């Protein structure tokens, strides 16, 4: 199940006006387990953030199938490990593979189909698909 981990936002898109007190995990927490997508915005009301979260919500099954974990950071004044590592300026989407490699960064919202294409081309995903096929045989 894909989780939506947020700093400064509620856990559901429909209740974003509420604040969540969820501490952001470190990328190392996901190594070899999941593919984090880190979304940075300067405010929870950023229209690009709202657009991005809606995009994710509309196609969550495809993201779940690829072990995606969504992390949202809307606290630009906080010195979080993620902000220290990536140094975002304003809105930014960063896709990280299970081995910790940054696959993609984009300063604007990205479609789930674009994310799926990026993930499916990685050697790790190709190996996962091969393993799944072998288990099905």
Protein backbone atom coordinates (compact mmCIF):
# COMPACT_ATOMS: atom_id res chain seq x y z
CA UNK A 1 0.00 0.00 0.00
CA UNK A 2 1.38 3.38 -0.98
CA UNK A 3 1.56 5.85 1.90
CA UNK A 4 1.41 9.58 1.69
CA UNK A 5 3.84 11.01 4.25
CA UNK A 6 3.55 14.74 4.77
CA UNK A 7 5.09 17.49 6.81
CA UNK A 8 2.74 20.42 7.20
CA UNK A 9 -0.25 18.74 5.51
CA UNK A 10 -3.07 16.37 6.43
CA UNK A 11 -2.91 12.80 5.17
CA UNK A 12 -5.85 13.09 2.79
CA UNK A 13 -6.05 15.44 -0.17
CA UNK A 14 -9.60 16.43 0.80
CA UNK A 15 -8.53 17.68 4.24
CA UNK A 16 -5.37 19.54 3.39
CA UNK A 17 -6.25 22.55 5.51
CA UNK A 18 -5.49 20.50 8.63
CA UNK A 19 -1.89 20.11 9.75
CA UNK A 20 -0.24 16.73 10.26
CA UNK A 21 2.46 16.27 12.82
CA UNK A 22 4.12 13.48 10.84
CA UNK A 23 7.90 13.52 10.96
CA UNK A 24 9.52 12.99 7.61
CA UNK A 25 11.44 9.76 7.20
CA UNK A 26 14.95 9.54 5.86
CA UNK A 27 15.52 8.15 2.36
CA UNK A 28 17.60 5.39 3.92
CA UNK A 29 14.38 4.12 5.54
CA UNK A 30 13.13 3.14 2.08
CA UNK A 31 16.31 1.63 0.63
CA UNK A 32 15.55 -1.68 -1.12
CA UNK A 33 11.94 -1.47 0.10
CA UNK A 34 10.23 1.34 -1.78
CA UNK A 35 10.62 4.08 -4.37
CA UNK A 36 10.08 7.42 -2.65
CA UNK A 37 8.69 10.35 -4.54
CA UNK A 38 9.58 13.50 -2.64
CA UNK A 39 7.42 16.53 -3.39
CA UNK A 40 8.61 19.88 -2.08
CA UNK A 41 6.43 22.98 -1.94
CA UNK A 42 6.72 26.23 -0.05
CA UNK A 43 3.13 26.07 1.23
CA UNK A 44 0.34 23.51 1.59
CA UNK A 45 -1.86 25.71 -0.62
CA UNK A 46 0.58 25.74 -3.56
CA UNK A 47 -1.61 25.01 -6.62
CA UNK A 48 1.14 22.85 -8.12
CA UNK A 49 1.19 20.72 -4.97
CA UNK A 50 -2.58 20.34 -5.03
CA UNK A 51 -2.43 19.38 -8.71
CA UNK A 52 0.33 16.85 -8.01
CA UNK A 53 -1.52 15.23 -5.11
CA UNK A 54 -4.67 14.94 -7.20
CA UNK A 55 -2.63 13.29 -9.96
CA UNK A 56 -1.25 10.77 -7.47
CA UNK A 57 -4.65 10.11 -5.94
CA UNK A 58 -6.23 9.44 -9.34
CA UNK A 59 -3.80 6.62 -10.12
CA UNK A 60 -2.70 5.26 -6.74
CA UNK A 61 -2.99 1.61 -7.84
CA UNK A 62 -0.25 2.03 -10.46
CA UNK A 63 2.02 3.65 -7.88
CA UNK A 64 1.29 0.90 -5.34
CA UNK A 65 2.22 -1.74 -7.92
CA UNK A 66 5.67 -0.13 -8.13
CA UNK A 67 6.20 0.21 -4.37
CA UNK A 68 6.02 4.01 -4.45
CA UNK A 69 5.94 6.00 -1.21
CA UNK A 70 4.98 9.66 -1.48
CA UNK A 71 6.66 12.15 0.83
CA UNK A 72 5.46 15.76 0.87
CA UNK A 73 7.46 18.54 2.52
CA UNK A 74 5.77 21.94 2.72
CA UNK A 75 8.00 23.42 5.40
CA UNK A 76 10.71 25.42 3.61
CA UNK A 77 11.88 26.98 6.88
CA UNK A 78 12.61 23.58 8.42
CA UNK A 79 16.06 22.07 8.08
CA UNK A 80 14.90 18.54 7.26
CA UNK A 81 17.31 15.83 6.05
CA UNK A 82 15.47 15.83 2.71
CA UNK A 83 15.84 19.59 2.25
CA UNK A 84 19.50 19.37 3.25
CA UNK A 85 20.11 16.68 0.65
CA UNK A 86 18.16 18.13 -2.29
CA UNK A 87 18.20 21.92 -1.63
CA UNK A 88 14.82 22.54 -3.30
CA UNK A 89 13.72 25.99 -4.34
CA UNK A 90 9.96 26.22 -4.46
CA UNK A 91 8.06 23.31 -5.96
CA UNK A 92 10.01 20.19 -6.91
CA UNK A 93 9.25 16.51 -7.55
CA UNK A 94 12.07 14.00 -7.02
CA UNK A 95 11.78 10.28 -7.82
CA UNK A 96 14.25 7.98 -6.06
CA UNK A 97 14.75 4.30 -6.93
CA UNK A 98 14.96 1.51 -4.35
CA UNK A 99 18.75 1.62 -4.40
CA UNK A 100 18.76 5.31 -3.45
CA UNK A 101 19.54 6.60 -6.94
CA UNK A 102 17.70 9.76 -8.01
CA UNK A 103 15.87 8.81 -11.18
CA UNK A 104 14.19 12.11 -11.99
CA UNK A 105 13.68 15.67 -10.80
CA UNK A 106 11.19 18.17 -12.13
CA UNK A 107 10.24 21.69 -10.95
CA UNK A 108 6.59 21.23 -11.98
CA UNK A 109 3.89 18.59 -11.49
CA UNK A 110 4.44 15.26 -13.20
CA UNK A 111 1.87 12.75 -14.44
CA UNK A 112 1.64 9.27 -13.01
CA UNK A 113 2.09 7.83 -16.50
CA UNK A 114 5.41 9.69 -16.77
CA UNK A 115 6.50 8.31 -13.38
CA UNK A 116 5.47 4.80 -14.40
CA UNK A 117 7.48 5.01 -17.62
CA UNK A 118 10.54 6.20 -15.69
CA UNK A 119 10.27 3.44 -13.10
CA UNK A 120 9.55 0.69 -15.62
CA UNK A 121 12.74 1.52 -17.56
CA UNK A 122 15.02 1.09 -14.54
CA UNK A 123 17.11 -2.06 -14.19
CA UNK A 124 15.67 -2.70 -10.72
CA UNK A 125 12.08 -2.66 -12.02
CA UNK A 126 13.05 -4.87 -14.96
CA UNK A 127 14.50 -7.37 -12.48
CA UNK A 128 11.35 -7.21 -10.37
CA UNK A 129 9.19 -7.95 -13.40
CA UNK A 130 11.44 -10.83 -14.40
CA UNK A 131 11.23 -12.29 -10.91
CA UNK A 132 7.43 -11.92 -10.89
CA UNK A 133 7.20 -13.74 -14.25
CA UNK A 134 9.43 -16.55 -12.99
CA UNK A 135 7.29 -16.96 -9.87
CA UNK A 136 4.13 -17.07 -11.99
CA UNK A 137 5.51 -19.92 -14.14
